[in-house]
């Protein structure tokens, strides 16, 4: 878990078998280190709905830089959302950026920048998705 992550996910509740460690990640909020010390070139950037709207509006220049760093480092950056596509499309109160505009922007980022976006129902489901995804990478690596 990136040590700058303000509201870290709790992986034990999501079925993770190993502990977590706070460290500095070059991109994203979550990555994995296997028992042999290796890490796959994958990072997950977690966003709540309000975080997402802030990141994709006023924080967008910083996020573009993060996508650029990931690409230069050959790290697959995955945007993990604590909300469903429908909730994203509903938008957030007081935002001038509409829900439909947000969905269009996310889809454009997926196509143009190969940013994978994962929609989950809540924080627990996102933690579970991250756990299962990294475990699947490990199964492939060590088979």
Protein backbone atom coordinates (compact mmCIF):
# COMPACT_ATOMS: atom_id res chain seq x y z
CA UNK A 1 0.00 0.00 0.00
CA UNK A 2 1.39 3.39 -0.93
CA UNK A 3 2.16 5.25 2.29
CA UNK A 4 0.44 8.35 0.89
CA UNK A 5 -2.86 6.45 0.57
CA UNK A 6 -5.26 8.36 2.84
CA UNK A 7 -7.95 5.72 3.33
CA UNK A 8 -6.34 2.30 2.75
CA UNK A 9 -8.38 -0.75 1.91
CA UNK A 10 -8.45 -3.60 4.43
CA UNK A 11 -7.35 -6.76 2.67
CA UNK A 12 -7.78 -9.24 5.51
CA UNK A 13 -11.55 -8.75 5.23
CA UNK A 14 -11.28 -9.47 1.50
CA UNK A 15 -9.63 -12.85 1.99
CA UNK A 16 -5.96 -11.94 1.54
CA UNK A 17 -3.66 -14.54 3.06
CA UNK A 18 -0.60 -12.36 3.62
CA UNK A 19 -0.18 -9.05 5.42
CA UNK A 20 0.16 -5.60 3.97
CA UNK A 21 3.06 -3.20 4.05
CA UNK A 22 3.10 0.57 3.74
CA UNK A 23 5.75 1.75 1.28
CA UNK A 24 6.30 4.36 -1.41
CA UNK A 25 5.04 3.29 -4.84
CA UNK A 26 6.10 5.13 -7.99
CA UNK A 27 2.56 4.86 -9.38
CA UNK A 28 -0.76 3.73 -7.98
CA UNK A 29 -1.89 2.95 -4.46
CA UNK A 30 -1.58 -0.85 -4.42
CA UNK A 31 0.87 -3.38 -5.77
CA UNK A 32 2.07 -6.80 -4.70
CA UNK A 33 5.37 -8.36 -3.74
CA UNK A 34 5.57 -12.13 -3.98
CA UNK A 35 7.41 -14.35 -1.52
CA UNK A 36 10.39 -14.51 -3.88
CA UNK A 37 10.68 -10.70 -3.65
CA UNK A 38 9.47 -10.03 -7.19
CA UNK A 39 6.68 -7.63 -8.12
CA UNK A 40 4.68 -7.73 -11.35
CA UNK A 41 4.54 -4.48 -13.34
CA UNK A 42 0.98 -3.73 -12.21
CA UNK A 43 -0.42 -1.06 -9.88
CA UNK A 44 -3.96 -0.19 -8.85
CA UNK A 45 -5.02 3.41 -8.25
CA UNK A 46 -8.02 3.40 -5.88
CA UNK A 47 -10.72 6.04 -6.12
CA UNK A 48 -13.93 6.71 -4.25
CA UNK A 49 -16.61 8.52 -6.22
CA UNK A 50 -15.68 11.96 -4.87
CA UNK A 51 -11.97 11.23 -5.39
CA UNK A 52 -12.68 10.21 -8.97
CA UNK A 53 -14.48 13.44 -9.79
CA UNK A 54 -11.72 15.52 -8.18
CA UNK A 55 -9.01 13.58 -10.00
CA UNK A 56 -10.69 13.79 -13.39
CA UNK A 57 -11.38 17.52 -13.12
CA UNK A 58 -9.03 19.77 -11.12
CA UNK A 59 -6.56 16.95 -10.45
CA UNK A 60 -6.40 15.74 -14.04
CA UNK A 61 -2.96 17.19 -14.91
CA UNK A 62 -1.45 15.25 -11.99
CA UNK A 63 -3.25 12.05 -13.02
CA UNK A 64 -2.00 12.43 -16.61
CA UNK A 65 1.53 12.63 -15.21
CA UNK A 66 0.91 9.44 -13.24
CA UNK A 67 -0.30 7.65 -16.38
CA UNK A 68 2.82 8.91 -18.19
CA UNK A 69 5.12 7.63 -15.40
CA UNK A 70 3.38 4.25 -15.51
CA UNK A 71 3.80 4.00 -19.26
CA UNK A 72 7.48 5.00 -19.10
CA UNK A 73 8.09 2.41 -16.36
CA UNK A 74 6.06 -0.20 -18.30
CA UNK A 75 3.66 -0.57 -15.40
CA UNK A 76 0.05 -1.43 -16.12
CA UNK A 77 -1.99 1.14 -14.22
CA UNK A 78 -5.48 0.01 -13.24
CA UNK A 79 -8.06 2.49 -11.96
CA UNK A 80 -10.02 0.67 -9.27
CA UNK A 81 -13.29 2.36 -8.39
CA UNK A 82 -15.30 1.84 -5.22
CA UNK A 83 -18.46 2.42 -7.24
CA UNK A 84 -20.43 0.84 -10.04
CA UNK A 85 -20.65 2.27 -13.53
CA UNK A 86 -24.24 3.29 -12.76
CA UNK A 87 -23.17 5.23 -9.67
CA UNK A 88 -20.42 6.99 -11.63
CA UNK A 89 -22.97 7.88 -14.32
CA UNK A 90 -25.28 9.41 -11.69
CA UNK A 91 -22.59 11.95 -10.87
CA UNK A 92 -21.87 13.72 -7.62
CA UNK A 93 -23.65 16.67 -6.02
CA UNK A 94 -22.18 20.12 -6.61
CA UNK A 95 -19.97 19.00 -9.50
CA UNK A 96 -20.15 20.89 -12.77
CA UNK A 97 -18.90 17.70 -14.45
CA UNK A 98 -21.87 15.51 -15.32
CA UNK A 99 -22.02 11.78 -14.80
CA UNK A 100 -22.33 11.09 -18.50
CA UNK A 101 -19.25 13.24 -19.14
CA UNK A 102 -17.34 11.27 -16.52
CA UNK A 103 -18.27 7.95 -18.11
CA UNK A 104 -17.22 9.27 -21.53
CA UNK A 105 -13.90 10.48 -20.11
CA UNK A 106 -13.20 7.12 -18.45
CA UNK A 107 -14.04 5.21 -21.62
CA UNK A 108 -11.80 7.53 -23.64
CA UNK A 109 -8.93 6.93 -21.19
CA UNK A 110 -9.43 3.19 -21.58
CA UNK A 111 -9.22 3.44 -25.38
CA UNK A 112 -6.62 6.19 -25.78
CA UNK A 113 -4.28 5.39 -22.87
CA UNK A 114 -5.06 1.70 -22.28
CA UNK A 115 -6.08 2.53 -18.73
CA UNK A 116 -8.05 -0.37 -17.32
CA UNK A 117 -11.01 0.79 -15.23
CA UNK A 118 -12.56 -1.63 -12.73
CA UNK A 119 -15.97 -0.79 -11.28
CA UNK A 120 -16.90 -2.33 -7.92
CA UNK A 121 -19.91 -2.01 -5.63
CA UNK A 122 -17.92 -0.83 -2.60
CA UNK A 123 -14.54 -0.81 -0.86
CA UNK A 124 -14.74 -4.43 0.23
CA UNK A 125 -15.46 -5.62 -3.30
CA UNK A 126 -12.53 -3.55 -4.63
CA UNK A 127 -10.21 -5.06 -2.00
CA UNK A 128 -11.45 -8.50 -3.03
CA UNK A 129 -10.91 -7.73 -6.72
CA UNK A 130 -7.34 -6.53 -6.07
CA UNK A 131 -6.62 -9.61 -3.95
CA UNK A 132 -7.98 -12.04 -6.53
CA UNK A 133 -6.24 -10.28 -9.41
CA UNK A 134 -2.82 -10.30 -7.80
CA UNK A 135 -3.29 -13.90 -6.65
CA UNK A 136 -4.10 -14.86 -10.25
CA UNK A 137 -0.89 -13.20 -11.43
CA UNK A 138 0.99 -15.20 -8.79
CA UNK A 139 -0.61 -18.47 -9.86
CA UNK A 140 0.50 -17.86 -13.44
CA UNK A 141 4.00 -16.82 -12.38
CA UNK A 142 4.64 -19.81 -10.13
CA UNK A 143 2.83 -22.62 -11.97
